Amino acid sequence: MNHSIKNKGIFGESFLLESAKAENLYFGYAEGMPIIDYHNHLEPQVISDNQNFRSPTAIWLDGDHYKWRAMRNFGIDERFISGQVTDEEKFQKWAETVPYTLRNPLFHWTHLELKNSFGIKEYLSGKNADEIYSSMQGVLQQPGFTPQNLLKNYKVEALCTTDDPADNLDYHKELKASNFNTTVLPSFRPDVYINIIDSDSYILNIKKLEKASGININSVSDLLNALESRINYFDEIGAKVSDHGFEYFPDTTRWNSDLEKEFSEFLKGNQLTFSNPDALCGFLLKELCKMYSDKGWVQQFHVGATRNNNSLMLKNIGANTGFDAIGEQYFAQRMSVLFDELNSKGELAKTIIYNLNPVYNEVLASLAGNFNESGIKSKVQFGAAWWFLDQLDGMQKQMNTLSNIGLISTFIGMLTDSRSFLSFSRHEYFRRLLCNMFGSEMEKGLIPDDEKWVGKIIQDICYYNAKNYFEI
């Protein structure tokens, strides 16, 4: 294969593949594998409705806080980011930003998405924004360019959305009853019901859970019964995973009868605040983990973020809009105490730990290895690099840590963690990097120069390990 610079560029076949062995691994073993995207934030309604997107801005920029952060860094006025200007104006400002994203993963993701979904093989800039917008718009309005066809074209075999326990899951039901071949499963995300950040918002969420479960919630036991009823409901629809995000990991040892009485008074409206949200979160989490184990689910823990750092923008445009960061909370010891208690009683579910602070990569990779079980490959997984770390350096560090401390051969691989239907190119990005890492070490003699041996492990990481782990 021609190893010219052009061929190695973002639009070339050999992108990220620095040797013939890397190319053989990618094209012979990784490229054709289906995708199991076991954690994302796609909207089930959009998948079920299966309608064409109104514009390139709608499919590409709306809600994408990665791109929003880059535009803010470039000094773009907020009205062109989250404001009420036209789709064309927002796209133009994004296009003007793209040439200045060099060495940010957005530069690679942007052009992989243009190439893979729209067949566009030129660098986006302010100069060609109108032309590329028009080209994308033409493709978007084709009858076959719908959410379901996008998933089919990306070879997405199964995906797990992220869902509120109070959701009725009607769109999941519709998808399950349809002839759509991609398996779309809900994930149980109960954070707002176990973690009191704002008392008023918490009580509003409790009311929503009461309505969904049909259970009046006046005590912690009522709350657990309501959550369990929703777990049962999710399980009936096909859920296989739960998901939790923590700024800090709660203490699971401090709950007591006095706090239980106080929490009941708080729920009944007899006091405005609750004194120990950390102990409540820890107690509820532990009880939920037991329920997940009973169902045979996989539990996911996302740790290491600090959220909504810009209070002014939180007030103006809300949460999840690009003002989160890597946190510095230490959480391994508390996590270990919980895992050990659950494991000692045979109640530890399969678990994935996603770490956002690379300082703790080795800490959490070594923690994961303490709780394995016969017949399950890496029961507790040191999960894929995510959010600020799902770029070449972050993914490589995560995989090197896992290789050094655990077994990368049992790794369940990449996920998108995205709200965008175009983001499945991240699986290609990951697979190219993975093949390059293994191919490079084959060239150096660090691992056997045996393509079939190594290729099988590549396929396991890309697809089979996840398929077996989630029992999809």
Protein backbone atom coordinates (compact mmCIF):
# COMPACT_ATOMS: atom_id res chain seq x y z
CA MET A 1 0.00 0.00 0.00
CA ASN A 2 1.25 3.50 -0.85
CA HIS A 3 2.60 5.23 2.23
CA SER A 4 2.52 8.77 0.83
CA ILE A 5 1.69 11.68 3.13
CA LYS A 6 -1.51 12.19 1.15
CA ASN A 7 -2.59 8.62 1.77
CA LYS A 8 -1.88 9.03 5.47
CA GLY A 9 -3.89 12.27 5.78
CA ILE A 10 -7.34 12.47 7.35
CA PHE A 11 -9.01 11.56 4.06
CA GLY A 12 -6.54 8.80 3.20
CA GLU A 13 -6.93 5.07 3.71
CA SER A 14 -3.84 4.90 5.93
CA PHE A 15 -4.88 7.63 8.38
CA LEU A 16 -3.26 6.88 11.78
CA LEU A 17 -1.82 3.61 10.42
CA GLU A 18 1.94 4.00 10.47
CA SER A 19 3.01 0.58 9.21
CA ALA A 20 1.97 -2.20 6.88
CA LYS A 21 1.22 -4.40 9.89
CA ALA A 22 -1.12 -1.75 11.32
CA GLU A 23 -2.88 -1.55 7.96
CA ASN A 24 -3.26 -5.32 7.78
CA LEU A 25 -4.76 -5.42 11.25
CA TYR A 26 -7.18 -2.59 10.55
CA PHE A 27 -8.38 -3.59 7.10
CA GLY A 28 -8.21 -7.32 7.72
CA TYR A 29 -9.68 -7.52 11.21
CA ALA A 30 -11.04 -4.26 12.68
CA GLU A 31 -12.72 -2.28 9.92
CA GLY A 32 -15.55 -4.68 9.18
CA MET A 33 -16.58 -5.38 12.78
CA PRO A 34 -20.11 -4.28 13.79
CA ILE A 35 -20.49 -1.65 16.50
CA ILE A 36 -21.99 -2.17 19.94
CA ASP A 37 -22.32 1.35 21.33
CA TYR A 38 -23.16 0.52 24.91
CA HIS A 39 -23.32 4.09 26.22
CA ASN A 40 -24.59 7.13 24.33
CA HIS A 41 -27.07 9.98 24.66
CA LEU A 42 -29.03 9.59 21.44
CA GLU A 43 -32.74 10.37 21.70
CA PRO A 44 -34.93 7.27 21.26
CA GLN A 45 -37.71 9.41 19.81
CA VAL A 46 -35.46 10.61 16.99
CA ILE A 47 -34.50 7.03 16.18
CA SER A 48 -38.11 5.86 16.30
CA ASP A 49 -39.59 8.77 14.31
CA ASN A 50 -36.86 8.24 11.70
CA GLN A 51 -37.32 11.62 10.03
CA ASN A 52 -34.80 13.53 7.94
CA PHE A 53 -32.85 16.18 9.82
CA ARG A 54 -33.81 19.75 8.99
CA SER A 55 -30.25 20.97 8.37
CA PRO A 56 -26.51 20.28 8.86
CA THR A 57 -26.68 22.43 11.99
CA ALA A 58 -29.42 20.24 13.46
CA ILE A 59 -27.51 16.99 13.01
CA TRP A 60 -24.05 18.36 13.69
CA LEU A 61 -24.06 21.37 16.02
CA ASP A 62 -27.24 21.36 18.10
CA GLY A 63 -26.36 20.32 21.64
CA ASP A 64 -22.75 19.44 20.80
CA HIS A 65 -20.88 21.02 23.68
CA TYR A 66 -17.52 19.80 22.33
CA LYS A 67 -17.93 22.10 19.33
CA TRP A 68 -19.49 24.81 21.47
CA ARG A 69 -16.44 24.93 23.75
CA ALA A 70 -14.12 25.24 20.77
CA MET A 71 -16.16 28.10 19.33
CA ARG A 72 -16.11 29.89 22.68
CA ASN A 73 -12.34 29.40 22.88
CA PHE A 74 -12.10 31.01 19.45
CA GLY A 75 -14.07 34.02 20.66
CA ILE A 76 -17.31 33.34 18.79
CA ASP A 77 -20.26 35.28 20.19
CA GLU A 78 -22.63 33.08 22.19
CA ARG A 79 -25.60 33.96 19.97
CA PHE A 80 -23.94 31.96 17.17
CA ILE A 81 -23.50 29.00 19.52
CA SER A 82 -26.62 28.59 21.67
CA GLY A 83 -28.58 31.61 20.49
CA GLN A 84 -31.47 32.17 18.09
CA VAL A 85 -29.64 33.00 14.86
CA THR A 86 -30.22 30.94 11.71
CA ASP A 87 -28.79 27.49 11.12
CA GLU A 88 -26.69 28.88 8.28
CA GLU A 89 -25.16 31.56 10.52
CA LYS A 90 -24.26 29.00 13.21
CA PHE A 91 -22.69 26.70 10.64
CA GLN A 92 -20.66 29.57 9.18
CA LYS A 93 -19.16 30.41 12.56
CA TRP A 94 -18.35 26.76 13.22
CA ALA A 95 -16.68 26.53 9.80
CA GLU A 96 -14.59 29.60 10.59
CA THR A 97 -13.44 27.92 13.81
CA VAL A 98 -12.50 24.53 12.32
CA PRO A 99 -9.14 25.53 10.74
CA TYR A 100 -8.01 26.63 14.19
CA THR A 101 -8.84 23.31 15.85
CA LEU A 102 -5.56 21.77 14.63
CA ARG A 103 -4.31 19.21 17.20
CA ASN A 104 -7.68 19.21 18.95
CA PRO A 105 -9.56 15.91 18.34
CA LEU A 106 -12.41 17.95 16.85
CA PHE A 107 -10.29 18.51 13.75
CA HIS A 108 -10.11 14.77 13.12
CA TRP A 109 -13.69 13.98 14.18
CA THR A 110 -15.09 16.80 12.03
CA HIS A 111 -13.44 15.63 8.85
CA LEU A 112 -14.05 11.92 9.48
CA GLU A 113 -17.75 12.73 9.89
CA LEU A 114 -17.78 14.80 6.69
CA LYS A 115 -16.06 11.99 4.80
CA ASN A 116 -17.92 9.00 6.20
CA SER A 117 -21.44 10.40 6.24
CA PHE A 118 -21.42 12.87 3.36
CA GLY A 119 -18.56 11.81 1.11
CA ILE A 120 -16.91 15.24 1.54
CA LYS A 121 -13.12 15.07 1.32
CA GLU A 122 -12.01 18.65 1.81
CA TYR A 123 -11.10 20.68 4.84
CA LEU A 124 -13.94 22.80 6.19
CA SER A 125 -13.32 26.54 6.60
CA GLY A 126 -15.16 29.81 6.43
CA LYS A 127 -14.29 30.05 2.75
CA ASN A 128 -16.12 26.89 1.67
CA ALA A 129 -18.79 26.87 4.39
CA ASP A 130 -21.66 27.76 2.03
CA GLU A 131 -20.66 25.10 -0.48
CA ILE A 132 -20.27 22.36 2.14
CA TYR A 133 -23.48 23.38 3.92
CA SER A 134 -25.36 23.10 0.62
CA SER A 135 -23.78 19.72 -0.14
CA MET A 136 -24.64 18.36 3.32
CA GLN A 137 -28.17 19.72 3.07
CA GLY A 138 -28.70 17.93 -0.22
CA VAL A 139 -27.61 14.62 1.28
CA LEU A 140 -29.68 15.16 4.43
CA GLN A 141 -32.89 15.53 2.43
CA GLN A 142 -32.45 12.28 0.54
CA PRO A 143 -35.14 9.73 1.52
CA GLY A 144 -32.53 7.24 2.71
CA PHE A 145 -30.65 9.65 4.97
CA THR A 146 -32.55 9.02 8.19
CA PRO A 147 -31.42 8.14 11.73
CA GLN A 148 -32.10 4.44 11.25
CA ASN A 149 -30.22 4.29 7.95
CA LEU A 150 -27.30 6.15 9.50
CA LEU A 151 -27.08 3.52 12.22
CA LYS A 152 -27.34 0.77 9.62
CA ASN A 153 -24.61 2.30 7.45
CA TYR A 154 -22.30 2.57 10.45
CA LYS A 155 -22.94 -1.14 11.19
CA VAL A 156 -24.40 -0.39 14.61
CA GLU A 157 -25.67 -3.74 15.85
CA ALA A 158 -26.81 -2.50 19.25
CA LEU A 159 -26.84 0.71 21.25
CA CYS A 160 -27.84 1.73 24.77
CA THR A 161 -29.39 5.15 25.29
CA THR A 162 -29.36 7.00 28.63
CA ASP A 163 -32.78 7.30 30.21
CA ASP A 164 -34.51 8.82 33.21
CA PRO A 165 -36.07 6.15 35.48
CA ALA A 166 -39.40 8.00 35.16
CA ASP A 167 -39.39 7.73 31.36
CA ASN A 168 -42.24 5.68 29.90
CA LEU A 169 -39.87 4.19 27.29
CA ASP A 170 -42.61 4.32 24.65
CA TYR A 171 -40.12 4.94 21.84
CA HIS A 172 -38.06 1.94 22.93
CA LYS A 173 -41.23 -0.12 22.77
CA GLU A 174 -41.96 1.16 19.27
CA LEU A 175 -38.45 0.31 18.11
CA LYS A 176 -38.65 -3.14 19.67
CA ALA A 177 -41.93 -3.82 17.85
CA SER A 178 -40.63 -2.49 14.51
CA ASN A 179 -38.54 -4.24 11.88
CA PHE A 180 -35.50 -2.07 12.65
CA ASN A 181 -32.53 -4.42 12.91
CA THR A 182 -30.39 -2.37 15.32
CA THR A 183 -31.13 -3.32 18.93
CA VAL A 184 -31.92 -0.12 20.86
CA LEU A 185 -31.97 -0.61 24.64
CA PRO A 186 -32.61 1.82 27.50
CA SER A 187 -30.14 2.48 30.30
CA PHE A 188 -31.20 3.33 33.85
CA ARG A 189 -29.71 6.70 34.98
CA PRO A 190 -31.06 7.55 38.48
CA ASP A 191 -28.66 10.34 39.50
CA VAL A 192 -31.31 13.01 40.12
CA TYR A 193 -33.19 10.70 42.51
CA ILE A 194 -30.28 9.72 44.72
CA ASN A 195 -28.18 12.89 44.79
CA ILE A 196 -29.57 16.08 46.34
CA ILE A 197 -27.84 19.07 44.76
CA ASP A 198 -30.72 21.53 44.85
CA SER A 199 -33.56 20.75 47.28
CA ASP A 200 -36.37 22.22 45.16
CA SER A 201 -35.26 20.40 42.01
CA TYR A 202 -34.87 17.17 43.95
CA ILE A 203 -38.44 17.30 45.29
CA LEU A 204 -39.76 18.03 41.78
CA ASN A 205 -37.96 14.93 40.51
CA ILE A 206 -39.38 12.86 43.35
CA LYS A 207 -42.88 13.94 42.30
CA LYS A 208 -42.09 12.83 38.75
CA LEU A 209 -40.93 9.44 40.04
CA GLU A 210 -44.07 9.09 42.14
CA LYS A 211 -46.21 9.58 39.06
CA ALA A 212 -44.22 7.07 37.01
CA SER A 213 -44.11 4.40 39.70
CA GLY A 214 -47.53 4.91 41.26
CA ILE A 215 -45.87 4.94 44.70
CA ASN A 216 -46.18 7.78 47.21
CA ILE A 217 -42.64 8.58 48.37
CA ASN A 218 -42.56 9.63 52.01
CA SER A 219 -39.52 7.66 53.20
CA VAL A 220 -36.27 6.18 51.96
CA SER A 221 -37.91 2.76 51.75
CA ASP A 222 -40.68 4.24 49.58
CA LEU A 223 -38.02 5.75 47.34
CA LEU A 224 -36.22 2.43 46.98
CA ASN A 225 -39.51 0.68 46.20
CA ALA A 226 -40.25 3.26 43.52
CA LEU A 227 -36.79 2.89 41.98
CA GLU A 228 -37.04 -0.89 42.09
CA SER A 229 -40.39 -0.79 40.30
CA ARG A 230 -38.76 1.27 37.55
CA ILE A 231 -35.80 -1.13 37.36
CA ASN A 232 -38.31 -3.94 36.85
CA TYR A 233 -40.03 -1.92 34.15
CA PHE A 234 -36.75 -1.11 32.37
CA ASP A 235 -35.79 -4.77 32.58
CA GLU A 236 -39.03 -5.82 30.90
CA ILE A 237 -38.26 -3.49 27.99
CA GLY A 238 -34.81 -5.08 27.63
CA ALA A 239 -32.45 -2.87 29.67
CA LYS A 240 -29.11 -4.44 30.48
CA VAL A 241 -27.21 -1.52 32.01
CA SER A 242 -27.43 1.24 34.58
CA ASP A 243 -25.34 4.38 34.61
CA HIS A 244 -24.19 6.82 37.31
CA GLY A 245 -22.17 10.01 37.09
CA PHE A 246 -20.37 11.29 40.18
CA GLU A 247 -18.53 14.53 40.91
CA TYR A 248 -17.49 12.75 44.09
CA PHE A 249 -18.07 9.13 45.07
CA PRO A 250 -20.43 8.92 48.06
CA ASP A 251 -19.66 7.34 51.41
CA THR A 252 -21.73 4.14 51.53
CA THR A 253 -21.19 3.51 55.26
CA ARG A 254 -22.78 6.47 57.08
CA TRP A 255 -26.53 5.98 56.79
CA ASN A 256 -28.40 5.62 60.11
CA SER A 257 -31.88 5.71 61.63
CA ASP A 258 -31.67 9.39 62.58
CA LEU A 259 -30.91 10.36 59.00
CA GLU A 260 -33.73 8.13 57.82
CA LYS A 261 -36.22 10.00 60.02
CA GLU A 262 -34.86 13.37 58.92
CA PHE A 263 -35.12 12.38 55.23
CA SER A 264 -38.79 11.46 55.74
CA GLU A 265 -39.46 14.90 57.21
CA PHE A 266 -37.70 16.47 54.22
CA LEU A 267 -39.79 14.46 51.76
CA LYS A 268 -43.01 15.44 53.58
CA GLY A 269 -42.08 19.13 53.34
CA ASN A 270 -41.57 19.59 57.07
CA GLN A 271 -38.01 20.89 56.56
CA LEU A 272 -36.50 22.70 53.61
CA THR A 273 -33.17 20.89 53.37
CA PHE A 274 -31.60 17.54 54.22
CA SER A 275 -28.41 17.63 56.26
CA ASN A 276 -26.40 14.76 54.74
CA PRO A 277 -26.89 14.22 50.98
CA ASP A 278 -23.62 12.26 50.81
CA ALA A 279 -24.84 9.57 53.23
CA LEU A 280 -28.20 9.38 51.43
CA CYS A 281 -26.54 8.99 48.02
CA GLY A 282 -24.20 6.30 49.37
CA PHE A 283 -27.02 4.30 50.95
CA LEU A 284 -29.26 4.49 47.89
CA LEU A 285 -26.39 3.63 45.56
CA LYS A 286 -25.51 0.52 47.53
CA GLU A 287 -29.11 -0.68 47.51
CA LEU A 288 -29.42 -0.01 43.79
CA CYS A 289 -26.22 -1.95 43.11
CA LYS A 290 -27.83 -4.99 44.77
CA MET A 291 -30.84 -4.62 42.49
CA TYR A 292 -28.63 -4.39 39.41
CA SER A 293 -26.88 -7.58 40.48
CA ASP A 294 -30.21 -9.36 40.92
CA LYS A 295 -31.15 -8.43 37.36
CA GLY A 296 -27.81 -9.43 35.89
CA TRP A 297 -27.25 -5.89 34.65
CA VAL A 298 -23.95 -4.08 34.06
CA GLN A 299 -23.44 -0.99 36.24
CA GLN A 300 -21.45 1.96 34.89
CA PHE A 301 -19.73 4.58 37.05
CA HIS A 302 -18.47 7.81 35.48
CA VAL A 303 -16.09 9.57 37.86
CA GLY A 304 -13.73 12.51 37.72
CA ALA A 305 -15.84 15.42 36.41
CA THR A 306 -16.69 18.74 38.00
CA ARG A 307 -19.85 20.16 36.50
CA ASN A 308 -21.46 23.53 35.75
CA ASN A 309 -18.40 25.57 36.69
CA ASN A 310 -19.74 28.75 35.07
CA SER A 311 -22.71 29.75 37.22
CA LEU A 312 -23.66 32.65 34.97
CA MET A 313 -23.95 30.42 31.90
CA LEU A 314 -25.72 27.73 33.93
CA LYS A 315 -28.34 30.33 34.78
CA ASN A 316 -28.56 31.62 31.21
CA ILE A 317 -28.60 28.43 29.11
CA GLY A 318 -28.70 25.51 31.54
CA ALA A 319 -26.66 22.38 32.26
CA ASN A 320 -24.76 20.18 29.77
CA THR A 321 -23.83 23.13 27.57
CA GLY A 322 -20.04 23.00 27.74
CA PHE A 323 -19.00 24.31 31.14
CA ASP A 324 -17.82 21.13 32.83
CA ALA A 325 -14.20 20.17 33.52
CA ILE A 326 -11.91 17.47 34.85
CA GLY A 327 -12.28 17.24 38.63
CA GLU A 328 -9.76 16.49 41.36
CA GLN A 329 -11.87 14.52 43.83
CA TYR A 330 -10.33 11.30 45.15
CA PHE A 331 -12.80 8.42 45.04
CA ALA A 332 -10.99 5.06 44.85
CA GLN A 333 -11.12 4.18 48.55
CA ARG A 334 -14.87 4.71 48.84
CA MET A 335 -15.42 2.77 45.64
CA SER A 336 -13.31 -0.09 46.96
CA VAL A 337 -15.30 -0.24 50.22
CA LEU A 338 -18.56 -0.51 48.26
CA PHE A 339 -17.24 -3.14 45.85
CA ASP A 340 -15.80 -5.21 48.67
CA GLU A 341 -19.05 -5.23 50.66
CA LEU A 342 -21.09 -6.16 47.60
CA ASN A 343 -18.58 -8.77 46.47
CA SER A 344 -18.47 -10.38 49.92
CA LYS A 345 -22.22 -10.98 49.72
CA GLY A 346 -22.27 -12.12 46.09
CA GLU A 347 -24.02 -8.87 45.09
CA LEU A 348 -21.42 -7.16 42.89
CA ALA A 349 -22.72 -6.75 39.34
CA LYS A 350 -20.49 -6.47 36.30
CA THR A 351 -19.04 -2.98 36.61
CA ILE A 352 -17.39 -0.44 34.31
CA ILE A 353 -15.37 2.44 35.77
CA TYR A 354 -14.85 5.41 33.45
CA ASN A 355 -12.21 7.83 34.67
CA LEU A 356 -12.00 11.46 33.55
CA ASN A 357 -8.91 12.44 35.54
CA PRO A 358 -5.85 10.68 34.07
CA VAL A 359 -3.99 11.14 37.36
CA TYR A 360 -6.08 8.21 38.62
CA ASN A 361 -5.70 5.86 35.64
CA GLU A 362 -3.37 3.46 37.44
CA VAL A 363 -5.33 3.74 40.68
CA LEU A 364 -8.61 2.70 39.09
CA ALA A 365 -7.14 0.13 36.71
CA SER A 366 -5.55 -1.63 39.69
CA LEU A 367 -8.76 -1.34 41.72
CA ALA A 368 -10.75 -3.00 38.95
CA GLY A 369 -8.52 -6.07 39.06
CA ASN A 370 -9.44 -6.88 42.66
CA PHE A 371 -12.96 -8.10 41.99
CA ASN A 372 -12.94 -10.66 39.21
CA GLU A 373 -15.05 -13.79 39.06
CA SER A 374 -14.70 -17.22 37.51
CA GLY A 375 -16.25 -17.44 34.07
CA ILE A 376 -16.38 -13.67 33.45
CA LYS A 377 -13.57 -11.93 31.60
CA SER A 378 -12.65 -8.77 33.51
CA LYS A 379 -15.87 -8.53 35.50
CA VAL A 380 -14.87 -5.05 36.67
CA GLN A 381 -13.67 -3.12 33.63
CA PHE A 382 -11.38 -0.11 33.50
CA GLY A 383 -13.55 1.62 30.91
CA ALA A 384 -12.70 3.51 27.75
CA ALA A 385 -11.26 7.02 27.84
CA TRP A 386 -14.18 9.44 27.79
CA TRP A 387 -15.16 13.06 27.36
CA PHE A 388 -12.02 15.20 27.56
CA LEU A 389 -9.87 12.08 27.18
CA ASP A 390 -11.41 10.35 24.14
CA GLN A 391 -8.64 11.63 21.89
CA LEU A 392 -5.46 9.96 20.66
CA ASP A 393 -3.32 10.72 23.71
CA GLY A 394 -6.07 9.97 26.24
CA MET A 395 -7.13 6.72 24.56
CA GLN A 396 -3.55 5.57 24.26
CA LYS A 397 -2.86 6.31 27.93
CA GLN A 398 -5.99 4.44 28.99
CA MET A 399 -5.08 1.40 26.88
CA ASN A 400 -1.44 1.44 27.99
CA THR A 401 -2.52 1.59 31.64
CA LEU A 402 -4.94 -1.27 31.10
CA SER A 403 -2.26 -3.28 29.28
CA ASN A 404 0.26 -2.75 32.06
CA ILE A 405 -2.06 -3.45 35.00
CA GLY A 406 -4.82 -5.64 33.58
CA LEU A 407 -5.57 -7.43 30.30
CA ILE A 408 -6.26 -5.29 27.27
CA SER A 409 -7.27 -8.50 25.48
CA THR A 410 -10.47 -8.56 27.60
CA PHE A 411 -11.25 -4.85 27.13
CA ILE A 412 -14.80 -4.10 25.92
CA GLY A 413 -13.60 -1.28 23.69
CA MET A 414 -14.96 2.05 22.58
CA LEU A 415 -18.28 3.87 22.90
CA THR A 416 -19.44 7.26 21.63
CA ASP A 417 -20.96 8.80 24.83
CA SER A 418 -22.45 11.23 22.32
CA ARG A 419 -25.66 13.02 21.39
CA SER A 420 -24.77 13.02 17.69
CA PHE A 421 -25.79 10.50 15.03
CA LEU A 422 -22.56 11.28 13.18
CA SER A 423 -20.25 10.40 16.07
CA PHE A 424 -19.89 6.70 15.22
CA SER A 425 -16.72 7.66 13.35
CA ARG A 426 -15.16 7.69 16.82
CA HIS A 427 -15.22 3.90 16.67
CA GLU A 428 -13.15 4.07 13.49
CA TYR A 429 -10.81 6.56 15.16
CA PHE A 430 -10.35 4.19 18.12
CA ARG A 431 -9.90 1.13 15.92
CA ARG A 432 -7.25 2.79 13.78
CA LEU A 433 -5.33 3.84 16.89
CA LEU A 434 -5.70 0.37 18.41
CA CYS A 435 -4.36 -1.32 15.27
CA ASN A 436 -1.52 1.15 15.02
CA MET A 437 -0.47 0.46 18.62
CA PHE A 438 -0.44 -3.31 18.09
CA GLY A 439 1.09 -3.06 14.61
CA SER A 440 3.90 -0.85 15.88
CA GLU A 441 4.77 -3.33 18.62
CA MET A 442 4.71 -6.19 16.12
CA GLU A 443 7.22 -4.21 14.01
CA LYS A 444 9.45 -3.73 17.05
CA GLY A 445 9.27 -7.36 18.11
CA LEU A 446 7.56 -6.49 21.39
CA ILE A 447 4.63 -8.79 20.59
CA PRO A 448 4.52 -11.80 18.22
CA ASP A 449 4.54 -11.13 14.49
CA ASP A 450 1.48 -13.33 14.11
CA GLU A 451 -1.33 -11.57 12.31
CA LYS A 452 -4.04 -14.13 13.08
CA TRP A 453 -3.19 -14.22 16.78
CA VAL A 454 -3.10 -10.45 17.17
CA GLY A 455 -6.00 -9.95 14.75
CA LYS A 456 -8.27 -12.12 16.87
CA ILE A 457 -7.53 -9.96 19.93
CA ILE A 458 -8.22 -6.84 17.86
CA GLN A 459 -11.63 -8.21 16.87
CA ASP A 460 -12.39 -9.12 20.47
CA ILE A 461 -11.65 -5.58 21.65
CA CYS A 462 -13.61 -4.01 18.80
CA TYR A 463 -16.70 -6.19 19.09
CA TYR A 464 -16.78 -9.66 20.63
CA ASN A 465 -15.78 -8.73 24.18
CA ALA A 466 -18.65 -6.21 24.43
CA LYS A 467 -21.10 -8.61 22.81
CA ASN A 468 -20.27 -11.29 25.38
CA TYR A 469 -19.97 -8.94 28.36
CA PHE A 470 -23.40 -7.38 27.83
CA GLU A 471 -24.86 -10.64 26.56
CA ILE A 472 -26.30 -8.93 23.49
